Amino acid sequence: MIVCVCRRVSDREIARHARAGMSFDDIQFELGVATQCGRCEGCARDVVQQCNATHPMAAIHAQPQGQVIQLASHITESRAWNSSPQSAAA
């Protein structure tokens, strides 16, 4: 279901980011949800809250070969920000 019509953001996309451990503010920055008309903010926050309650982010995931990967606590920048030549030089 589309939650943010202005930015065409679905509940699944919001949920995927929330399950990855992102806060509402992080998701808002990454996806642009609730940054234009604002009518979707309550629904978007509900999706994030529901995901955080049912799928708390695991700090460590075990891999089949016995390797362990430490997940980041949150994503601070979008990959799109790192694609420009100026940010690559920084």
PDB file of N, CA and C in Angstrom:
ATOM      1  N   MET A   1       0.850  -1.169   0.000  1.00  0.00           N
ATOM      2  CA  MET A   1       0.000   0.000   0.000  1.00  0.00           C
ATOM      3  C   MET A   1       0.900   1.238   0.000  1.00  0.00           C
ATOM      4  N   ILE A   2       0.519   2.225  -0.800  1.00  0.00           N
ATOM      5  CA  ILE A   2       1.263   3.486  -0.827  1.00  0.00           C
ATOM      6  C   ILE A   2       0.879   4.307   0.402  1.00  0.00           C
ATOM      7  N   VAL A   3       1.872   4.663   1.196  1.00  0.00           N
ATOM      8  CA  VAL A   3       1.659   5.478   2.397  1.00  0.00           C
ATOM      9  C   VAL A   3       1.843   6.949   2.050  1.00  0.00           C
ATOM     10  N   CYS A   4       2.924   7.268   1.365  1.00  0.00           N
ATOM     11  CA  CYS A   4       3.226   8.649   0.982  1.00  0.00           C
ATOM     12  C   CYS A   4       2.986   8.806  -0.511  1.00  0.00           C
ATOM     13  N   VAL A   5       1.886   9.460  -0.856  1.00  0.00           N
ATOM     14  CA  VAL A   5       1.530   9.656  -2.249  1.00  0.00           C
ATOM     15  C   VAL A   5       2.497  10.650  -2.902  1.00  0.00           C
ATOM     16  N   CYS A   6       2.888  11.683  -2.185  1.00  0.00           N
ATOM     17  CA  CYS A   6       3.769  12.705  -2.745  1.00  0.00           C
ATOM     18  C   CYS A   6       5.098  12.114  -3.205  1.00  0.00           C
ATOM     19  N   ARG A   7       5.656  11.200  -2.422  1.00  0.00           N
ATOM     20  CA  ARG A   7       6.962  10.611  -2.726  1.00  0.00           C
ATOM     21  C   ARG A   7       6.855   9.164  -3.215  1.00  0.00           C
ATOM     22  N   ARG A   8       5.612   8.660  -3.293  1.00  0.00           N
ATOM     23  CA  ARG A   8       5.336   7.294  -3.743  1.00  0.00           C
ATOM     24  C   ARG A   8       6.147   6.268  -2.929  1.00  0.00           C
ATOM     25  N   VAL A   9       5.931   6.291  -1.626  1.00  0.00           N
ATOM     26  CA  VAL A   9       6.621   5.393  -0.707  1.00  0.00           C
ATOM     27  C   VAL A   9       5.599   4.422  -0.134  1.00  0.00           C
ATOM     28  N   SER A  10       5.901   3.138  -0.213  1.00  0.00           N
ATOM     29  CA  SER A  10       4.970   2.119   0.260  1.00  0.00           C
ATOM     30  C   SER A  10       5.246   1.733   1.709  1.00  0.00           C
ATOM     31  N   ASP A  11       4.261   1.077   2.310  1.00  0.00           N
ATOM     32  CA  ASP A  11       4.429   0.572   3.671  1.00  0.00           C
ATOM     33  C   ASP A  11       5.518  -0.492   3.710  1.00  0.00           C
ATOM     34  N   ARG A  12       5.661  -1.265   2.655  1.00  0.00           N
ATOM     35  CA  ARG A  12       6.700  -2.302   2.607  1.00  0.00           C
ATOM     36  C   ARG A  12       8.093  -1.690   2.614  1.00  0.00           C
ATOM     37  N   GLU A  13       8.253  -0.594   1.884  1.00  0.00           N
ATOM     38  CA  GLU A  13       9.551   0.075   1.846  1.00  0.00           C
ATOM     39  C   GLU A  13       9.887   0.680   3.210  1.00  0.00           C
ATOM     40  N   ILE A  14       8.909   1.288   3.839  1.00  0.00           N
ATOM     41  CA  ILE A  14       9.110   1.843   5.185  1.00  0.00           C
ATOM     42  C   ILE A  14       9.445   0.723   6.157  1.00  0.00           C
ATOM     43  N   ALA A  15       8.700  -0.378   6.082  1.00  0.00           N
ATOM     44  CA  ALA A  15       8.920  -1.513   6.984  1.00  0.00           C
ATOM     45  C   ALA A  15      10.310  -2.109   6.791  1.00  0.00           C
ATOM     46  N   ARG A  16      10.747  -2.227   5.547  1.00  0.00           N
ATOM     47  CA  ARG A  16      12.076  -2.781   5.272  1.00  0.00           C
ATOM     48  C   ARG A  16      13.158  -1.942   5.938  1.00  0.00           C
ATOM     49  N   HIS A  17      13.046  -0.635   5.861  1.00  0.00           N
ATOM     50  CA  HIS A  17      14.020   0.256   6.491  1.00  0.00           C
ATOM     51  C   HIS A  17      13.920   0.179   8.015  1.00  0.00           C
ATOM     52  N   ALA A  18      12.705   0.109   8.537  1.00  0.00           N
ATOM     53  CA  ALA A  18      12.521   0.027   9.994  1.00  0.00           C
ATOM     54  C   ALA A  18      13.099  -1.270  10.545  1.00  0.00           C
ATOM     55  N   ARG A  19      12.891  -2.378   9.832  1.00  0.00           N
ATOM     56  CA  ARG A  19      13.449  -3.663  10.274  1.00  0.00           C
ATOM     57  C   ARG A  19      14.971  -3.674  10.206  1.00  0.00           C
ATOM     58  N   ALA A  20      15.538  -2.808   9.388  1.00  0.00           N
ATOM     59  CA  ALA A  20      16.996  -2.678   9.314  1.00  0.00           C
ATOM     60  C   ALA A  20      17.548  -1.837  10.465  1.00  0.00           C
ATOM     61  N   GLY A  21      16.650  -1.313  11.298  1.00  0.00           N
ATOM     62  CA  GLY A  21      17.073  -0.571  12.477  1.00  0.00           C
ATOM     63  C   GLY A  21      17.018   0.935  12.344  1.00  0.00           C
ATOM     64  N   MET A  22      16.449   1.430  11.257  1.00  0.00           N
ATOM     65  CA  MET A  22      16.384   2.877  11.068  1.00  0.00           C
ATOM     66  C   MET A  22      15.227   3.472  11.864  1.00  0.00           C
ATOM     67  N   SER A  23      15.449   4.649  12.410  1.00  0.00           N
ATOM     68  CA  SER A  23      14.397   5.379  13.124  1.00  0.00           C
ATOM     69  C   SER A  23      13.496   6.067  12.108  1.00  0.00           C
ATOM     70  N   PHE A  24      12.381   6.628  12.572  1.00  0.00           N
ATOM     71  CA  PHE A  24      11.509   7.369  11.660  1.00  0.00           C
ATOM     72  C   PHE A  24      12.257   8.520  11.015  1.00  0.00           C
ATOM     73  N   ASP A  25      13.055   9.243  11.793  1.00  0.00           N
ATOM     74  CA  ASP A  25      13.808  10.375  11.244  1.00  0.00           C
ATOM     75  C   ASP A  25      14.777   9.925  10.153  1.00  0.00           C
ATOM     76  N   ASP A  26      15.445   8.784  10.371  1.00  0.00           N
ATOM     77  CA  ASP A  26      16.354   8.246   9.359  1.00  0.00           C
ATOM     78  C   ASP A  26      15.598   7.876   8.095  1.00  0.00           C
ATOM     79  N   ILE A  27      14.440   7.238   8.267  1.00  0.00           N
ATOM     80  CA  ILE A  27      13.619   6.825   7.127  1.00  0.00           C
ATOM     81  C   ILE A  27      13.094   8.053   6.392  1.00  0.00           C
ATOM     82  N   GLN A  28      12.702   9.061   7.133  1.00  0.00           N
ATOM     83  CA  GLN A  28      12.215  10.297   6.525  1.00  0.00           C
ATOM     84  C   GLN A  28      13.309  10.941   5.680  1.00  0.00           C
ATOM     85  N   PHE A  29      14.514  10.957   6.181  1.00  0.00           N
ATOM     86  CA  PHE A  29      15.644  11.525   5.434  1.00  0.00           C
ATOM     87  C   PHE A  29      15.955  10.683   4.199  1.00  0.00           C
ATOM     88  N   GLU A  30      15.964   9.379   4.349  1.00  0.00           N
ATOM     89  CA  GLU A  30      16.333   8.464   3.260  1.00  0.00           C
ATOM     90  C   GLU A  30      15.276   8.427   2.152  1.00  0.00           C
ATOM     91  N   LEU A  31      14.006   8.310   2.532  1.00  0.00           N
ATOM     92  CA  LEU A  31      12.936   8.116   1.548  1.00  0.00           C
ATOM     93  C   LEU A  31      12.150   9.382   1.217  1.00  0.00           C
ATOM     94  N   GLY A  32      12.243  10.393   2.065  1.00  0.00           N
ATOM     95  CA  GLY A  32      11.488  11.616   1.837  1.00  0.00           C
ATOM     96  C   GLY A  32      10.040  11.528   2.291  1.00  0.00           C
ATOM     97  N   VAL A  33       9.691  10.466   3.007  1.00  0.00           N
ATOM     98  CA  VAL A  33       8.321  10.288   3.471  1.00  0.00           C
ATOM     99  C   VAL A  33       7.959  11.410   4.451  1.00  0.00           C
ATOM    100  N   ALA A  34       6.751  11.940   4.332  1.00  0.00           N
ATOM    101  CA  ALA A  34       6.225  12.993   5.212  1.00  0.00           C
ATOM    102  C   ALA A  34       7.044  14.280   5.151  1.00  0.00           C
ATOM    103  N   THR A  35       7.592  14.588   3.974  1.00  0.00           N
ATOM    104  CA  THR A  35       8.362  15.825   3.831  1.00  0.00           C
ATOM    105  C   THR A  35       7.677  16.854   2.939  1.00  0.00           C
ATOM    106  N   GLN A  36       6.545  16.482   2.332  1.00  0.00           N
ATOM    107  CA  GLN A  36       5.855  17.454   1.487  1.00  0.00           C
ATOM    108  C   GLN A  36       4.556  17.885   2.152  1.00  0.00           C
ATOM    109  N   CYS A  37       3.454  17.206   1.897  1.00  0.00           N
ATOM    110  CA  CYS A  37       2.183  17.658   2.471  1.00  0.00           C
ATOM    111  C   CYS A  37       2.040  17.240   3.934  1.00  0.00           C
ATOM    112  N   GLY A  38       2.696  16.164   4.346  1.00  0.00           N
ATOM    113  CA  GLY A  38       2.685  15.725   5.740  1.00  0.00           C
ATOM    114  C   GLY A  38       1.508  14.867   6.155  1.00  0.00           C
ATOM    115  N   ARG A  39       0.557  14.617   5.262  1.00  0.00           N
ATOM    116  CA  ARG A  39      -0.631  13.827   5.630  1.00  0.00           C
ATOM    117  C   ARG A  39      -0.305  12.379   5.973  1.00  0.00           C
ATOM    118  N   CYS A  40       0.816  11.874   5.489  1.00  0.00           N
ATOM    119  CA  CYS A  40       1.157  10.468   5.701  1.00  0.00           C
ATOM    120  C   CYS A  40       1.966  10.226   6.971  1.00  0.00           C
ATOM    121  N   GLU A  41       2.359  11.273   7.657  1.00  0.00           N
ATOM    122  CA  GLU A  41       3.280  11.118   8.784  1.00  0.00           C
ATOM    123  C   GLU A  41       2.759  10.156   9.848  1.00  0.00           C
ATOM    124  N   GLY A  42       1.510  10.279  10.231  1.00  0.00           N
ATOM    125  CA  GLY A  42       0.952   9.396  11.265  1.00  0.00           C
ATOM    126  C   GLY A  42       0.982   7.943  10.842  1.00  0.00           C
ATOM    127  N   CYS A  43       0.591   7.661   9.614  1.00  0.00           N
ATOM    128  CA  CYS A  43       0.597   6.288   9.115  1.00  0.00           C
ATOM    129  C   CYS A  43       2.026   5.758   9.019  1.00  0.00           C
ATOM    130  N   ALA A  44       2.945   6.581   8.511  1.00  0.00           N
ATOM    131  CA  ALA A  44       4.336   6.161   8.386  1.00  0.00           C
ATOM    132  C   ALA A  44       4.941   5.870   9.753  1.00  0.00           C
ATOM    133  N   ARG A  45       4.661   6.718  10.726  1.00  0.00           N
ATOM    134  CA  ARG A  45       5.166   6.476  12.089  1.00  0.00           C
ATOM    135  C   ARG A  45       4.569   5.187  12.664  1.00  0.00           C
ATOM    136  N   ASP A  46       3.301   4.918  12.380  1.00  0.00           N
ATOM    137  CA  ASP A  46       2.672   3.685  12.845  1.00  0.00           C
ATOM    138  C   ASP A  46       3.361   2.457  12.257  1.00  0.00           C
ATOM    139  N   VAL A  47       3.700   2.503  10.979  1.00  0.00           N
ATOM    140  CA  VAL A  47       4.389   1.382  10.335  1.00  0.00           C
ATOM    141  C   VAL A  47       5.741   1.151  11.006  1.00  0.00           C
ATOM    142  N   VAL A  48       6.488   2.224  11.245  1.00  0.00           N
ATOM    143  CA  VAL A  48       7.795   2.106  11.899  1.00  0.00           C
ATOM    144  C   VAL A  48       7.638   1.538  13.299  1.00  0.00           C
ATOM    145  N   GLN A  49       6.681   2.052  14.046  1.00  0.00           N
ATOM    146  CA  GLN A  49       6.463   1.591  15.416  1.00  0.00           C
ATOM    147  C   GLN A  49       6.064   0.118  15.441  1.00  0.00           C
ATOM    148  N   GLN A  50       5.194  -0.284  14.539  1.00  0.00           N
ATOM    149  CA  GLN A  50       4.761  -1.676  14.474  1.00  0.00           C
ATOM    150  C   GLN A  50       5.936  -2.595  14.137  1.00  0.00           C
ATOM    151  N   CYS A  51       6.778  -2.182  13.217  1.00  0.00           N
ATOM    152  CA  CYS A  51       7.935  -2.996  12.846  1.00  0.00           C
ATOM    153  C   CYS A  51       8.932  -3.093  13.992  1.00  0.00           C
ATOM    154  N   ASN A  52       9.149  -2.006  14.692  1.00  0.00           N
ATOM    155  CA  ASN A  52      10.076  -2.027  15.821  1.00  0.00           C
ATOM    156  C   ASN A  52       9.565  -2.923  16.942  1.00  0.00           C
ATOM    157  N   ALA A  53       8.250  -2.994  17.115  1.00  0.00           N
ATOM    158  CA  ALA A  53       7.672  -3.823  18.172  1.00  0.00           C
ATOM    159  C   ALA A  53       7.709  -5.302  17.814  1.00  0.00           C
ATOM    160  N   THR A  54       7.508  -5.633  16.528  1.00  0.00           N
ATOM    161  CA  THR A  54       7.431  -7.042  16.139  1.00  0.00           C
ATOM    162  C   THR A  54       8.740  -7.613  15.634  1.00  0.00           C
ATOM    163  N   HIS A  55       9.641  -6.767  15.158  1.00  0.00           N
ATOM    164  CA  HIS A  55      10.916  -7.239  14.626  1.00  0.00           C
ATOM    165  C   HIS A  55      12.060  -6.369  15.132  1.00  0.00           C
ATOM    166  N   PRO A  56      12.401  -6.453  16.427  1.00  0.00           N
ATOM    167  CA  PRO A  56      13.514  -5.637  16.896  1.00  0.00           C
ATOM    168  C   PRO A  56      14.796  -6.034  16.170  1.00  0.00           C
ATOM    169  N   MET A  57      15.611  -5.051  15.862  1.00  0.00           N
ATOM    170  CA  MET A  57      16.827  -5.297  15.093  1.00  0.00           C
ATOM    171  C   MET A  57      17.795  -6.150  15.889  1.00  0.00           C
ATOM    172  N   ALA A  58      18.293  -7.204  15.274  1.00  0.00           N
ATOM    173  CA  ALA A  58      19.302  -8.046  15.899  1.00  0.00           C
ATOM    174  C   ALA A  58      20.658  -7.371  15.766  1.00  0.00           C
ATOM    175  N   ALA A  59      21.445  -7.406  16.817  1.00  0.00           N
ATOM    176  CA  ALA A  59      22.764  -6.787  16.774  1.00  0.00           C
ATOM    177  C   ALA A  59      23.754  -7.643  15.994  1.00  0.00           C
ATOM    178  N   ILE A  60      23.565  -8.962  16.043  1.00  0.00           N
ATOM    179  CA  ILE A  60      24.501  -9.875  15.390  1.00  0.00           C
ATOM    180  C   ILE A  60      23.713 -10.958  14.670  1.00  0.00           C
ATOM    181  N   HIS A  61      24.111 -11.261  13.434  1.00  0.00           N
ATOM    182  CA  HIS A  61      23.523 -12.349  12.669  1.00  0.00           C
ATOM    183  C   HIS A  61      24.591 -13.397  12.408  1.00  0.00           C
ATOM    184  N   ALA A  62      24.293 -14.663  12.655  1.00  0.00           N
ATOM    185  CA  ALA A  62      25.237 -15.732  12.355  1.00  0.00           C
ATOM    186  C   ALA A  62      25.068 -16.154  10.900  1.00  0.00           C
ATOM    187  N   GLN A  63      26.172 -16.358  10.213  1.00  0.00           N
ATOM    188  CA  GLN A  63      26.177 -16.792   8.829  1.00  0.00           C
ATOM    189  C   GLN A  63      26.326 -18.312   8.786  1.00  0.00           C
ATOM    190  N   PRO A  64      25.883 -18.959   7.684  1.00  0.00           N
ATOM    191  CA  PRO A  64      25.959 -20.415   7.582  1.00  0.00           C
ATOM    192  C   PRO A  64      27.360 -20.980   7.785  1.00  0.00           C
ATOM    193  N   GLN A  65      28.407 -20.260   7.376  1.00  0.00           N
ATOM    194  CA  GLN A  65      29.771 -20.760   7.525  1.00  0.00           C
ATOM    195  C   GLN A  65      30.335 -20.480   8.911  1.00  0.00           C
ATOM    196  N   GLY A  66      29.509 -19.969   9.800  1.00  0.00           N
ATOM    197  CA  GLY A  66      29.969 -19.655  11.147  1.00  0.00           C
ATOM    198  C   GLY A  66      30.539 -18.260  11.282  1.00  0.00           C
ATOM    199  N   GLN A  67      30.531 -17.486  10.200  1.00  0.00           N
ATOM    200  CA  GLN A  67      31.013 -16.119  10.268  1.00  0.00           C
ATOM    201  C   GLN A  67      29.980 -15.255  10.980  1.00  0.00           C
ATOM    202  N   VAL A  68      30.428 -14.207  11.629  1.00  0.00           N
ATOM    203  CA  VAL A  68      29.532 -13.293  12.324  1.00  0.00           C
ATOM    204  C   VAL A  68      29.688 -11.904  11.722  1.00  0.00           C
ATOM    205  N   ILE A  69      28.556 -11.259  11.463  1.00  0.00           N
ATOM    206  CA  ILE A  69      28.555  -9.911  10.908  1.00  0.00           C
ATOM    207  C   ILE A  69      27.910  -8.974  11.910  1.00  0.00           C
ATOM    208  N   GLN A  70      28.578  -7.877  12.220  1.00  0.00           N
ATOM    209  CA  GLN A  70      28.033  -6.851  13.107  1.00  0.00           C
ATOM    210  C   GLN A  70      27.297  -5.833  12.252  1.00  0.00           C
ATOM    211  N   LEU A  71      26.023  -5.611  12.523  1.00  0.00           N
ATOM    212  CA  LEU A  71      25.239  -4.648  11.763  1.00  0.00           C
ATOM    213  C   LEU A  71      25.426  -3.247  12.323  1.00  0.00           C
ATOM    214  N   ALA A  72      25.313  -2.264  11.467  1.00  0.00           N
ATOM    215  CA  ALA A  72      25.378  -0.872  11.902  1.00  0.00           C
ATOM    216  C   ALA A  72      24.135  -0.541  12.716  1.00  0.00           C
ATOM    217  N   SER A  73      24.256   0.377  13.650  1.00  0.00           N
ATOM    218  CA  SER A  73      23.106   0.754  14.461  1.00  0.00           C
ATOM    219  C   SER A  73      22.109   1.575  13.663  1.00  0.00           C
ATOM    220  N   HIS A  74      22.577   2.341  12.678  1.00  0.00           N
ATOM    221  CA  HIS A  74      21.694   3.087  11.781  1.00  0.00           C
ATOM    222  C   HIS A  74      22.479   3.568  10.575  1.00  0.00           C
ATOM    223  N   ILE A  75      21.786   3.897   9.537  1.00  0.00           N
ATOM    224  CA  ILE A  75      22.411   4.399   8.326  1.00  0.00           C
ATOM    225  C   ILE A  75      22.400   5.915   8.397  1.00  0.00           C
ATOM    226  N   THR A  76      23.562   6.519   8.232  1.00  0.00           N
ATOM    227  CA  THR A  76      23.634   7.975   8.384  1.00  0.00           C
ATOM    228  C   THR A  76      23.525   8.722   7.073  1.00  0.00           C
ATOM    229  N   GLU A  77      23.877   8.078   5.955  1.00  0.00           N
ATOM    230  CA  GLU A  77      23.777   8.755   4.670  1.00  0.00           C
ATOM    231  C   GLU A  77      23.222   7.806   3.615  1.00  0.00           C
ATOM    232  N   SER A  78      22.514   8.351   2.692  1.00  0.00           N
ATOM    233  CA  SER A  78      22.009   7.605   1.551  1.00  0.00           C
ATOM    234  C   SER A  78      23.148   7.297   0.600  1.00  0.00           C
ATOM    235  N   ARG A  79      23.052   6.166  -0.103  1.00  0.00           N
ATOM    236  CA  ARG A  79      24.046   5.845  -1.110  1.00  0.00           C
ATOM    237  C   ARG A  79      24.066   6.908  -2.210  1.00  0.00           C
ATOM    238  N   ALA A  80      22.926   7.549  -2.451  1.00  0.00           N
ATOM    239  CA  ALA A  80      22.856   8.570  -3.489  1.00  0.00           C
ATOM    240  C   ALA A  80      23.786   9.741  -3.181  1.00  0.00           C
ATOM    241  N   TRP A  81      23.978  10.057  -1.915  1.00  0.00           N
ATOM    242  CA  TRP A  81      24.865  11.165  -1.546  1.00  0.00           C
ATOM    243  C   TRP A  81      26.306  10.831  -1.890  1.00  0.00           C
ATOM    244  N   ASN A  82      26.653   9.546  -1.843  1.00  0.00           N
ATOM    245  CA  ASN A  82      28.033   9.149  -2.094  1.00  0.00           C
ATOM    246  C   ASN A  82      28.342   8.952  -3.571  1.00  0.00           C
ATOM    247  N   SER A  83      27.371   9.125  -4.452  1.00  0.00           N
ATOM    248  CA  SER A  83      27.582   8.867  -5.872  1.00  0.00           C
ATOM    249  C   SER A  83      28.126  10.063  -6.638  1.00  0.00           C
ATOM    250  N   SER A  84      28.115  11.232  -6.048  1.00  0.00           N
ATOM    251  CA  SER A  84      28.590  12.413  -6.759  1.00  0.00           C
ATOM    252  C   SER A  84      30.122  12.510  -6.685  1.00  0.00           C
ATOM    253  N   PRO A  85      30.750  13.096  -7.707  1.00  0.00           N
ATOM    254  CA  PRO A  85      32.223  13.225  -7.707  1.00  0.00           C
ATOM    255  C   PRO A  85      32.751  14.043  -6.533  1.00  0.00           C
ATOM    256  N   GLN A  86      31.993  15.083  -6.093  1.00  0.00           N
ATOM    257  CA  GLN A  86      32.465  15.901  -4.985  1.00  0.00           C
ATOM    258  C   GLN A  86      32.542  15.098  -3.696  1.00  0.00           C
ATOM    259  N   SER A  87      31.534  14.237  -3.435  1.00  0.00           N
ATOM    260  CA  SER A  87      31.546  13.479  -2.179  1.00  0.00           C
ATOM    261  C   SER A  87      32.588  12.385  -2.219  1.00  0.00           C
ATOM    262  N   ALA A  88      32.950  11.892  -3.403  1.00  0.00           N
ATOM    263  CA  ALA A  88      33.973  10.865  -3.519  1.00  0.00           C
ATOM    264  C   ALA A  88      35.339  11.439  -3.151  1.00  0.00           C
ATOM    265  N   ALA A  89      35.549  12.742  -3.432  1.00  0.00           N
ATOM    266  CA  ALA A  89      36.823  13.369  -3.121  1.00  0.00           C
ATOM    267  C   ALA A  89      36.934  13.729  -1.642  1.00  0.00           C
ATOM    268  N   ALA A  90      35.820  13.826  -0.949  1.00  0.00           N
ATOM    269  CA  ALA A  90      35.819  14.248   0.457  1.00  0.00           C
ATOM    270  C   ALA A  90      36.298  13.196   1.387  1.00  0.00           C
TER     271      ALA A  90
END
